[in-house]
Amino acid sequence: MITERLRPPPTADERTTLTAWLDFYRATIALKCDGLTEEQARTASAAPSPLTLLGLVQHLAEVERNWLRRVLAGEDAPPIFDPEADPDGPDGGFDLSPETTLADALAIWRGEVEHGDRNAAALALDHTSPFLGGEVSLRWIYTHLIAEYARHCGHADLIRERIDGRAGV
């Protein structure tokens, strides 16, 4: 469970470094959503972009599900927020429905993080899974997730600053 943001250790083994950076960025997303109203969570970044913090949380739940469940573990895990979407297509989740609250999306995202972490825990970084006619290693998946989260943390920072001036968390 993501409860606080810890700075990754500057000297650690490879797996600890990768998982610590991933957890750091996961915690950053949670912190960016802390204290928001439903209306604020649905506030778009800046025209013409429809990007919202709620949409980012939903998207990151889809990303976790895709990489750590479908790809890594070979699970049959349909899309969460767009059941009509192609599970082999791009990670969605950005579109908002009136029924989904920020609390619901965060709970789903945290559940996907926990499930994915369990899937990865016993596997070596060199473990490979089938992907696009080839194979992909857990090491590559971790690196990809870190890049994905880092990019979206930047988006989240700008959106949060637009909402209430809070930046740099």
Protein backbone atom coordinates (compact mmCIF):
# COMPACT_ATOMS: atom_id res chain seq x y z
CA MET A 1 0.00 0.00 0.00
CA ILE A 2 1.22 3.47 -0.85
CA THR A 3 1.25 5.43 2.39
CA GLU A 4 4.21 7.79 2.20
CA ARG A 5 6.80 8.92 -0.31
CA LEU A 6 10.28 7.70 0.55
CA ARG A 7 13.33 8.90 -1.38
CA PRO A 8 14.97 5.94 -3.14
CA PRO A 9 18.27 4.89 -1.55
CA PRO A 10 21.29 6.30 -3.41
CA THR A 11 23.22 3.04 -3.04
CA ALA A 12 21.25 -0.15 -3.36
CA ASP A 13 21.06 -3.26 -5.49
CA GLU A 14 19.31 -3.05 -8.85
CA ARG A 15 15.95 -4.46 -7.79
CA THR A 16 15.73 -2.25 -4.72
CA THR A 17 16.61 0.77 -6.84
CA LEU A 18 13.98 -0.02 -9.48
CA THR A 19 11.17 -0.79 -7.04
CA ALA A 20 12.04 2.20 -4.83
CA TRP A 21 11.84 4.61 -7.78
CA LEU A 22 8.56 3.08 -8.93
CA ASP A 23 7.13 3.38 -5.41
CA PHE A 24 8.40 6.99 -5.17
CA TYR A 25 6.49 7.97 -8.30
CA ARG A 26 3.41 6.00 -7.26
CA ALA A 27 3.39 7.90 -3.97
CA THR A 28 3.83 11.18 -5.83
CA ILE A 29 0.62 10.54 -7.78
CA ALA A 30 -1.23 9.78 -4.54
CA LEU A 31 0.11 12.99 -2.96
CA LYS A 32 -0.97 15.05 -5.97
CA CYS A 33 -4.54 13.84 -5.38
CA ASP A 34 -4.52 14.41 -1.62
CA GLY A 35 -7.22 16.75 -0.38
CA LEU A 36 -8.98 17.27 -3.71
CA THR A 37 -12.72 17.63 -4.09
CA GLU A 38 -14.49 15.63 -6.79
CA GLU A 39 -14.79 18.79 -8.86
CA GLN A 40 -11.06 19.52 -8.54
CA ALA A 41 -10.15 15.93 -9.48
CA ARG A 42 -12.16 16.43 -12.68
CA THR A 43 -10.59 19.80 -13.52
CA ALA A 44 -8.85 19.69 -16.89
CA SER A 45 -5.26 20.82 -17.16
CA ALA A 46 -5.57 23.52 -19.82
CA ALA A 47 -7.55 23.85 -23.00
CA PRO A 48 -7.66 22.06 -25.32
CA SER A 49 -6.38 19.12 -23.21
CA PRO A 50 -9.03 17.16 -21.28
CA LEU A 51 -6.36 15.65 -18.96
CA THR A 52 -7.44 15.49 -15.29
CA LEU A 53 -5.99 14.03 -12.10
CA LEU A 54 -8.89 11.57 -11.94
CA GLY A 55 -8.13 10.51 -15.51
CA LEU A 56 -4.44 10.07 -14.66
CA VAL A 57 -5.26 7.83 -11.69
CA GLN A 58 -7.61 5.74 -13.84
CA HIS A 59 -4.99 5.53 -16.59
CA LEU A 60 -2.28 4.43 -14.17
CA ALA A 61 -4.57 1.70 -12.83
CA GLU A 62 -4.89 0.48 -16.43
CA VAL A 63 -1.11 0.71 -16.90
CA GLU A 64 -0.46 -1.35 -13.76
CA ARG A 65 -3.04 -3.92 -14.87
CA ASN A 66 -1.60 -4.16 -18.35
CA TRP A 67 2.09 -4.54 -17.53
CA LEU A 68 2.08 -6.45 -14.24
CA ARG A 69 -0.98 -8.60 -14.80
CA ARG A 70 -1.59 -9.11 -18.53
CA VAL A 71 1.97 -8.96 -19.83
CA LEU A 72 4.06 -10.16 -16.86
CA ALA A 73 1.69 -12.77 -15.42
CA GLY A 74 -0.37 -13.62 -18.50
CA GLU A 75 -3.61 -12.96 -16.64
CA ASP A 76 -6.90 -12.43 -18.40
CA ALA A 77 -7.62 -9.00 -16.96
CA PRO A 78 -10.07 -6.90 -18.96
CA PRO A 79 -9.86 -3.09 -19.02
CA ILE A 80 -11.22 -1.49 -15.86
CA PHE A 81 -12.61 1.87 -16.89
CA ASP A 82 -13.55 1.13 -20.49
CA PRO A 83 -14.87 -2.44 -20.68
CA GLU A 84 -15.34 -2.08 -24.45
CA ALA A 85 -11.65 -1.30 -25.02
CA ASP A 86 -9.31 -3.77 -26.68
CA PRO A 87 -7.20 -5.28 -23.86
CA ASP A 88 -4.29 -5.50 -26.31
CA GLY A 89 -4.69 -1.87 -27.33
CA PRO A 90 -3.18 1.21 -25.71
CA ASP A 91 -3.74 1.74 -21.99
CA GLY A 92 -6.81 3.92 -21.62
CA GLY A 93 -8.61 5.17 -18.58
CA PHE A 94 -8.36 8.87 -19.31
CA ASP A 95 -12.07 9.28 -20.09
CA LEU A 96 -14.24 10.13 -17.09
CA SER A 97 -17.65 8.75 -16.26
CA PRO A 98 -20.04 10.48 -13.86
CA GLU A 99 -20.15 7.36 -11.66
CA THR A 100 -16.44 7.09 -10.85
CA THR A 101 -15.22 9.07 -7.86
CA LEU A 102 -11.63 9.92 -7.03
CA ALA A 103 -11.85 7.68 -3.95
CA ASP A 104 -13.06 4.77 -6.12
CA ALA A 105 -10.33 5.32 -8.71
CA LEU A 106 -7.62 5.54 -6.04
CA ALA A 107 -8.86 2.33 -4.39
CA ILE A 108 -8.87 0.51 -7.74
CA TRP A 109 -5.40 1.85 -8.58
CA ARG A 110 -4.03 0.80 -5.17
CA GLY A 111 -5.52 -2.66 -5.68
CA GLU A 112 -3.82 -2.94 -9.07
CA VAL A 113 -0.50 -1.83 -7.53
CA GLU A 114 -0.78 -4.45 -4.79
CA HIS A 115 -1.77 -7.20 -7.22
CA GLY A 116 1.03 -6.29 -9.63
CA ASP A 117 3.61 -6.12 -6.85
CA ARG A 118 2.59 -9.62 -5.73
CA ASN A 119 2.98 -10.88 -9.30
CA ALA A 120 6.48 -9.42 -9.59
CA ALA A 121 7.77 -10.19 -6.09
CA ALA A 122 8.96 -13.75 -6.69
CA LEU A 123 10.32 -13.17 -10.20
CA ALA A 124 13.90 -12.35 -11.12
CA LEU A 125 14.55 -9.16 -13.06
CA ASP A 126 15.65 -11.38 -15.97
CA HIS A 127 12.29 -13.19 -16.01
CA THR A 128 10.70 -12.78 -19.44
CA SER A 129 7.11 -12.86 -20.63
CA PRO A 130 5.72 -13.00 -24.17
CA PHE A 131 5.19 -9.56 -25.68
CA LEU A 132 4.41 -8.48 -29.25
CA GLY A 133 5.82 -11.61 -30.84
CA GLY A 134 8.96 -11.51 -28.68
CA GLU A 135 9.74 -11.31 -25.01
CA VAL A 136 10.05 -8.59 -22.41
CA SER A 137 11.92 -8.80 -19.09
CA LEU A 138 10.67 -7.71 -15.70
CA ARG A 139 13.63 -5.30 -15.66
CA TRP A 140 12.30 -3.66 -18.85
CA ILE A 141 8.76 -3.53 -17.42
CA TYR A 142 9.99 -1.80 -14.26
CA THR A 143 12.00 0.69 -16.32
CA HIS A 144 8.99 1.37 -18.54
CA LEU A 145 6.69 1.87 -15.53
CA ILE A 146 9.17 4.30 -13.94
CA ALA A 147 9.26 6.34 -17.16
CA GLU A 148 5.45 6.26 -17.47
CA TYR A 149 4.95 7.39 -13.89
CA ALA A 150 7.63 10.09 -14.09
CA ARG A 151 5.97 11.57 -17.19
CA HIS A 152 2.55 11.53 -15.56
CA CYS A 153 3.87 12.96 -12.29
CA GLY A 154 4.93 15.99 -14.32
CA HIS A 155 1.44 16.23 -15.76
CA ALA A 156 -0.05 15.83 -12.27
CA ASP A 157 2.17 18.59 -10.89
CA LEU A 158 1.00 21.05 -13.53
CA ILE A 159 -2.67 20.10 -13.11
CA ARG A 160 -2.50 20.41 -9.31
CA GLU A 161 -0.76 23.76 -9.55
CA ARG A 162 -3.54 24.99 -11.87
CA ILE A 163 -6.20 23.78 -9.42
CA ASP A 164 -4.95 25.32 -6.20
CA GLY A 165 -1.39 26.54 -6.62
CA ARG A 166 0.10 23.52 -4.84
CA ALA A 167 3.25 22.39 -6.62
CA GLY A 168 6.45 20.56 -5.96
CA VAL A 169 5.15 17.87 -3.61
